[in-house]
Protein backbone atom coordinates (compact mmCIF):
# COMPACT_ATOMS: atom_id res chain seq x y z
CA MET A 1 -72.98 -32.17 49.62
CA SER A 2 -75.30 -34.85 48.28
CA ASP A 3 -74.63 -36.81 45.11
CA ASP A 4 -77.79 -35.30 43.61
CA ALA A 5 -76.19 -31.86 43.95
CA CYS A 6 -73.12 -32.99 42.01
CA PRO A 7 -74.26 -34.20 38.58
CA ILE A 8 -71.50 -35.12 36.15
CA PRO A 9 -70.97 -32.23 33.69
CA ALA A 10 -71.01 -34.60 30.72
CA ARG A 11 -71.47 -32.05 27.93
CA THR A 12 -68.85 -29.76 29.41
CA ASN A 13 -66.40 -32.64 29.69
CA LEU A 14 -66.99 -33.71 26.10
CA ALA A 15 -66.58 -30.16 24.80
CA ILE A 16 -63.36 -29.64 26.78
CA ALA A 17 -62.03 -32.99 25.59
CA VAL A 18 -62.57 -32.09 21.94
CA ALA A 19 -61.03 -28.63 22.42
CA ALA A 20 -58.02 -29.92 24.40
CA ILE A 21 -57.27 -32.76 21.99
CA SER A 22 -57.51 -30.36 19.05
CA ALA A 23 -55.21 -27.88 20.77
CA ALA A 24 -52.70 -30.63 21.63
CA LEU A 25 -52.60 -31.75 17.99
CA VAL A 26 -52.09 -28.17 16.81
CA CYS A 27 -49.21 -27.72 19.27
CA LEU A 28 -47.56 -30.93 18.04
CA TRP A 29 -47.92 -29.84 14.42
CA LEU A 30 -46.50 -26.38 15.14
CA ALA A 31 -43.53 -27.85 16.98
CA ALA A 32 -42.72 -30.04 13.99
CA HIS A 33 -43.37 -27.56 11.18
CA ALA A 34 -42.67 -24.08 12.59
CA ALA A 35 -39.03 -23.27 11.97
CA PRO A 36 -38.36 -20.44 14.46
CA TRP A 37 -37.28 -21.90 17.80
CA PRO A 38 -39.37 -19.46 19.86
CA VAL A 39 -42.50 -20.81 18.14
CA VAL A 40 -41.38 -24.39 18.79
CA ALA A 41 -40.78 -23.56 22.44
CA LEU A 42 -44.18 -21.90 22.80
CA ALA A 43 -45.84 -24.87 21.10
CA ALA A 44 -44.14 -27.26 23.54
CA ILE A 45 -45.18 -25.18 26.53
CA GLY A 46 -48.73 -24.99 25.20
CA PHE A 47 -48.76 -28.73 24.69
CA SER A 48 -47.54 -29.29 28.25
CA PHE A 49 -50.60 -27.47 29.59
CA VAL A 50 -53.38 -28.64 27.26
CA ASN A 51 -52.21 -32.23 27.59
CA ASN A 52 -52.60 -31.80 31.34
CA THR A 53 -56.20 -30.81 30.63
CA ILE A 54 -56.56 -34.10 28.77
CA PHE A 55 -55.00 -35.92 31.71
CA ALA A 56 -57.38 -34.21 34.14
CA LEU A 57 -60.33 -35.47 32.10
CA HIS A 58 -58.72 -38.90 31.98
CA HIS A 59 -58.53 -38.75 35.77
CA GLU A 60 -62.26 -38.01 35.84
CA ALA A 61 -62.90 -41.06 33.65
CA VAL A 62 -60.79 -43.23 36.00
CA HIS A 63 -63.25 -42.34 38.76
CA GLY A 64 -66.26 -42.82 36.48
CA LEU A 65 -66.94 -39.08 36.50
CA PHE A 66 -66.38 -38.12 32.87
CA HIS A 67 -69.83 -39.22 31.70
CA PRO A 68 -72.80 -40.87 33.46
CA ASP A 69 -73.14 -43.44 30.67
CA ARG A 70 -70.58 -46.09 31.59
CA ARG A 71 -69.90 -47.04 27.97
CA VAL A 72 -69.17 -43.43 27.03
CA ASN A 73 -67.04 -42.99 30.14
CA GLU A 74 -64.94 -46.08 29.39
CA THR A 75 -64.53 -45.22 25.70
CA ALA A 76 -63.52 -41.66 26.52
CA GLY A 77 -61.13 -42.97 29.15
CA MET A 78 -59.34 -45.13 26.59
CA VAL A 79 -59.10 -42.26 24.09
CA LEU A 80 -57.83 -39.81 26.70
CA ALA A 81 -55.34 -42.39 28.01
CA ALA A 82 -53.88 -42.67 24.50
CA PHE A 83 -52.81 -39.02 24.78
CA PHE A 84 -50.62 -39.72 27.79
CA PRO A 85 -49.89 -42.36 26.48
CA THR A 86 -50.90 -45.01 28.98
CA ILE A 87 -53.39 -47.85 29.34
CA PHE A 88 -56.73 -46.79 30.80
CA ALA A 89 -57.25 -49.98 32.80
CA ILE A 90 -53.74 -49.79 34.27
CA GLN A 91 -54.17 -46.14 35.14
CA ARG A 92 -57.40 -46.96 36.98
CA ILE A 93 -55.76 -49.81 38.89
CA SER A 94 -52.77 -47.67 39.79
CA HIS A 95 -54.74 -44.56 40.70
CA LEU A 96 -57.20 -46.38 42.93
CA GLY A 97 -54.16 -48.03 44.51
CA HIS A 98 -52.80 -44.55 45.13
CA HIS A 99 -56.00 -43.65 46.98
CA ARG A 100 -55.47 -46.71 49.19
CA ARG A 101 -51.74 -46.20 49.83
CA ASN A 102 -51.33 -42.41 49.87
CA ARG A 103 -48.66 -41.27 52.39
CA THR A 104 -48.10 -44.81 53.67
CA ASP A 105 -44.62 -46.33 53.79
CA GLU A 106 -45.36 -47.84 50.37
CA GLU A 107 -45.97 -44.44 48.76
CA LEU A 108 -43.83 -41.77 50.35
CA TYR A 109 -41.64 -40.34 47.62
CA ASP A 110 -40.56 -37.12 49.33
CA CYS A 111 -39.25 -38.78 52.50
CA TYR A 112 -36.93 -41.65 53.34
CA LEU A 113 -37.46 -44.25 56.05
CA PRO A 114 -34.67 -45.42 58.38
CA HIS A 115 -33.93 -48.47 56.22
CA GLN A 116 -34.01 -46.51 52.94
CA SER A 117 -31.31 -44.68 51.02
CA TRP A 118 -31.45 -40.88 51.06
CA LEU A 119 -29.62 -40.88 47.73
CA LEU A 120 -32.13 -43.20 46.04
CA LYS A 121 -35.14 -41.28 47.35
CA THR A 122 -33.58 -37.98 46.26
CA TYR A 123 -32.97 -39.52 42.84
CA TRP A 124 -36.69 -40.34 42.63
CA ILE A 125 -37.55 -36.73 43.47
CA TYR A 126 -35.24 -35.44 40.77
CA CYS A 127 -36.84 -37.85 38.29
CA LEU A 128 -40.11 -36.12 39.14
CA LEU A 129 -38.67 -32.64 38.78
CA PHE A 130 -36.99 -33.35 35.44
CA GLY A 131 -39.99 -35.15 33.93
CA PHE A 132 -38.54 -38.65 33.79
CA TYR A 133 -41.18 -39.94 36.19
CA TRP A 134 -43.70 -39.47 33.38
CA SER A 135 -41.55 -41.40 30.90
CA ILE A 136 -41.68 -44.54 33.05
CA ILE A 137 -45.41 -44.85 32.35
CA PRO A 138 -45.27 -44.94 28.50
CA ILE A 139 -42.28 -47.29 28.78
CA ALA A 140 -44.33 -49.55 31.05
CA THR A 141 -47.16 -49.39 28.51
CA LEU A 142 -44.83 -50.55 25.76
CA LEU A 143 -43.44 -53.30 28.00
CA TYR A 144 -46.95 -54.52 28.79
CA VAL A 145 -47.83 -54.73 25.11
CA LEU A 146 -44.59 -56.56 24.25
CA CYS A 147 -44.45 -58.85 27.31
CA PRO A 148 -47.40 -58.60 29.71
CA LEU A 149 -46.21 -61.61 31.70
CA ALA A 150 -43.21 -59.59 32.85
CA PHE A 151 -45.47 -57.80 35.33
CA ARG A 152 -46.20 -61.15 36.97
CA GLY A 153 -42.56 -62.16 37.26
CA ARG A 154 -40.94 -62.00 40.69
CA TRP A 155 -37.73 -60.81 39.02
CA PHE A 156 -39.57 -57.74 37.75
CA GLN A 157 -41.59 -57.06 40.89
CA ASP A 158 -38.62 -57.46 43.24
CA GLY A 159 -36.12 -55.94 40.81
CA PRO A 160 -36.91 -52.91 38.64
CA ALA A 161 -40.37 -52.30 40.14
CA ARG A 162 -39.03 -52.34 43.69
CA TRP A 163 -36.03 -50.20 42.82
CA TRP A 164 -38.25 -47.53 41.28
CA GLY A 165 -40.77 -47.70 44.14
CA PHE A 166 -43.61 -49.13 42.04
CA ARG A 167 -43.81 -52.68 43.34
CA PRO A 168 -47.27 -52.32 44.98
CA PHE A 169 -48.64 -50.90 41.73
CA VAL A 170 -47.06 -53.64 39.62
CA ARG A 171 -48.52 -56.31 41.90
CA ASP A 172 -52.00 -54.82 41.52
CA ILE A 173 -51.59 -54.71 37.74
CA ALA A 174 -50.30 -58.30 37.67
CA ALA A 175 -53.47 -59.52 39.39
CA ALA A 176 -55.71 -58.14 36.61
CA PRO A 177 -56.69 -60.09 33.47
CA ILE A 178 -54.17 -59.56 30.69
CA GLY A 179 -56.42 -59.64 27.60
CA PRO A 180 -58.46 -56.42 28.02
CA ILE A 181 -55.45 -54.47 29.30
CA TRP A 182 -53.27 -55.64 26.41
CA LEU A 183 -55.87 -54.55 23.84
CA GLN A 184 -56.07 -51.11 25.41
CA GLY A 185 -52.28 -50.88 25.30
CA VAL A 186 -52.26 -51.69 21.59
CA PHE A 187 -54.94 -49.03 21.07
CA SER A 188 -52.94 -46.35 22.91
CA LEU A 189 -49.75 -47.08 21.02
CA GLY A 190 -51.69 -47.21 17.76
CA VAL A 191 -53.16 -43.76 18.37
CA GLN A 192 -49.67 -42.36 18.93
CA VAL A 193 -48.40 -43.92 15.69
CA VAL A 194 -51.36 -42.51 13.75
CA ILE A 195 -50.80 -39.03 15.19
CA PHE A 196 -47.10 -39.14 14.42
CA ARG A 197 -47.64 -40.17 10.82
CA ALA A 198 -50.77 -38.10 10.09
CA LEU A 199 -49.20 -34.86 11.34
CA HIS A 200 -45.85 -35.67 9.72
CA LEU A 201 -44.05 -35.15 13.02
CA ASN A 202 -40.36 -35.55 13.56
CA MET A 203 -38.72 -37.17 16.56
CA ALA A 204 -37.08 -33.98 17.81
CA ALA A 205 -40.35 -32.03 17.95
CA TRP A 206 -42.18 -35.01 19.46
CA LEU A 207 -39.59 -35.39 22.21
CA ILE A 208 -39.51 -31.64 22.97
CA CYS A 209 -43.29 -31.51 23.42
CA TRP A 210 -43.47 -34.66 25.50
CA TRP A 211 -40.52 -33.68 27.68
CA ALA A 212 -42.20 -30.32 28.38
CA PHE A 213 -45.38 -32.17 29.32
CA GLY A 214 -43.40 -34.65 31.42
CA ILE A 215 -41.85 -31.85 33.47
CA ASN A 216 -45.18 -30.10 33.92
CA TRP A 217 -47.16 -33.22 34.77
CA SER A 218 -44.53 -34.85 37.00
CA SER A 219 -44.01 -31.69 39.05
CA VAL A 220 -47.70 -31.30 39.80
CA GLN A 221 -48.24 -34.98 40.55
CA TYR A 222 -46.26 -34.95 43.74
CA THR A 223 -46.32 -31.29 44.72
CA ASP A 224 -49.95 -31.86 45.71
CA HIS A 225 -48.75 -34.45 48.27
CA ALA A 226 -45.20 -33.56 49.33
CA GLY A 227 -44.96 -32.67 53.01
CA ALA A 228 -48.64 -33.35 53.63
CA PRO A 229 -49.76 -35.20 56.78
CA ARG A 230 -49.12 -38.94 56.80
CA ASP A 231 -52.75 -39.82 56.43
CA VAL A 232 -54.28 -41.81 53.57
CA MET A 233 -57.16 -39.40 53.06
CA GLU A 234 -55.85 -36.14 54.53
CA GLY A 235 -52.37 -36.45 53.03
CA ALA A 236 -52.80 -33.94 50.20
CA TRP A 237 -52.98 -30.19 49.64
CA ASN A 238 -55.44 -27.72 48.23
CA LEU A 239 -52.77 -25.77 46.37
CA ARG A 240 -52.96 -22.21 45.17
CA PHE A 241 -52.54 -22.13 41.40
CA SER A 242 -52.62 -19.17 39.08
CA PRO A 243 -56.17 -18.65 37.73
CA LEU A 244 -55.15 -19.84 34.25
CA SER A 245 -53.41 -22.97 35.58
CA GLN A 246 -56.43 -23.79 37.73
CA VAL A 247 -58.66 -23.59 34.65
CA LEU A 248 -56.34 -25.69 32.48
CA PHE A 249 -55.83 -28.31 35.19
CA LEU A 250 -59.58 -28.46 35.85
CA ASN A 251 -59.31 -27.76 39.59
CA TYR A 252 -56.74 -30.52 40.02
CA ASN A 253 -55.05 -28.28 42.60
CA PHE A 254 -57.91 -28.94 45.03
CA HIS A 255 -56.38 -32.31 45.67
CA LEU A 256 -57.22 -32.66 49.35
CA ALA A 257 -60.86 -32.05 48.48
CA HIS A 258 -60.58 -34.75 45.83
CA HIS A 259 -59.05 -37.29 48.22
CA ARG A 260 -61.84 -36.68 50.70
CA ARG A 261 -64.55 -37.01 48.06
CA PRO A 262 -63.21 -38.87 45.00
CA ASP A 263 -66.80 -39.40 43.89
CA VAL A 264 -67.35 -35.67 43.21
CA PRO A 265 -66.70 -34.22 39.71
CA TRP A 266 -64.02 -31.59 39.26
CA VAL A 267 -66.38 -28.63 38.88
CA TYR A 268 -67.55 -28.94 42.50
CA LEU A 269 -64.21 -29.38 44.25
CA PRO A 270 -63.82 -25.69 45.27
CA ARG A 271 -67.04 -26.02 47.27
CA LEU A 272 -65.52 -28.86 49.31
CA VAL A 273 -62.60 -26.85 50.66
CA ARG A 274 -63.00 -26.46 54.43
CA PRO A 275 -62.34 -23.12 56.17
CA GLY A 276 -59.43 -24.53 58.19
CA ASP A 277 -57.68 -26.28 55.30
CA ALA A 278 -54.11 -25.28 54.58
CA ASN A 279 -53.80 -23.50 51.24
CA PRO A 280 -50.10 -23.39 50.32
CA SER A 281 -48.96 -22.05 46.99
CA PHE A 282 -47.66 -24.51 44.41
CA TRP A 283 -44.22 -22.90 44.52
CA SER A 284 -43.94 -23.10 48.32
CA ILE A 285 -44.17 -26.90 48.06
CA TYR A 286 -42.31 -27.27 44.77
CA TRP A 287 -39.06 -25.43 45.52
CA PRO A 288 -38.19 -27.37 48.73
CA LEU A 289 -38.32 -30.61 46.73
CA TRP A 290 -35.04 -29.57 45.09
CA ARG A 291 -33.32 -30.02 48.48
CA GLY A 292 -33.87 -33.75 48.24
CA ALA A 293 -35.60 -36.31 50.44
CA ARG A 294 -36.30 -35.58 54.09
CA PRO A 295 -36.43 -38.10 56.94
CA ALA A 296 -39.91 -39.48 57.52
CA VAL A 297 -41.53 -38.36 60.75
CA GLY A 298 -43.54 -40.81 62.82
CA PRO A 299 -45.16 -44.09 61.83
CA GLY A 300 -47.09 -44.09 58.60
CA PRO A 301 -50.73 -45.07 58.17
CA LYS A 302 -51.71 -48.54 57.05
CA PRO A 303 -52.93 -48.91 53.46
CA LEU A 304 -56.65 -49.29 53.10
CA PRO A 305 -57.47 -52.96 52.51
CA GLU A 306 -59.62 -52.22 49.49
CA PRO A 307 -60.91 -49.20 47.58
CA PRO A 308 -63.56 -47.28 49.56
CA PRO A 309 -67.12 -47.63 48.25
CA SER A 310 -66.94 -44.04 46.94
CA LEU A 311 -64.21 -45.09 44.51
CA SER A 312 -66.46 -47.58 42.75
CA THR A 313 -66.90 -46.88 39.06
CA SER A 314 -69.74 -49.34 38.54
């Protein structure tokens, strides 16, 4: 499939972004102002899905695929990142690092190596399943805004970052210029404050919605890799989602296709699925994660030395 056959669906992306952001705000408002608990629960569940739509568009912007105009793409990326909330530049650094390190010894959350603790790795999996994996990212955003130099400290890289399995990501972030990243962090946190105050939210409703999103997002983020071959590019799945989930996640379930061609917009990913590709259901990968970490099999691949040319966003 040539690049000419895969134009970025800019208008579609913009329309979906407006609709998803509007729906997310409505869900937050309902959770805070609708008294019956069933309505609050439905609002939180709705928020967990439409905010994943926002994240999927943010993922497109990370790869430079939200809009062909770079300025629009970067601006949209910052706005969409604020609904995570995270820092767009950090998310790009971390996600491109993921494409370089996928299924290597540095990024193997579902398995433990001979020198690693089964208990610690299982704890990481349960953080994913209960949504706490998501919470680390907003906390890191706040830490970067308050003390960006912490990311460059050996105590942080070899302490908390190593313990949580994020040291390679923290090192990549530490090598980037602080100024632009810090400003984006302030913007993201500012957007969250404005939303909270403008919609007259309360902390309970806010936490319920974000916890629901955290569970939803965290579960998907590693189910599309768990148990996949230990190969940087091939180590992902084209998962079977329900039709509605596939629409709301913008084909994010075709993750193997994305890893093979990260330069292709989301609308074309179904075309890239090969006839012999495994096509497990989401649940067939998700439920075994509750058993905890498994021993790693065989030597892992080496991380790619630098992002492949297809990952360029210039």
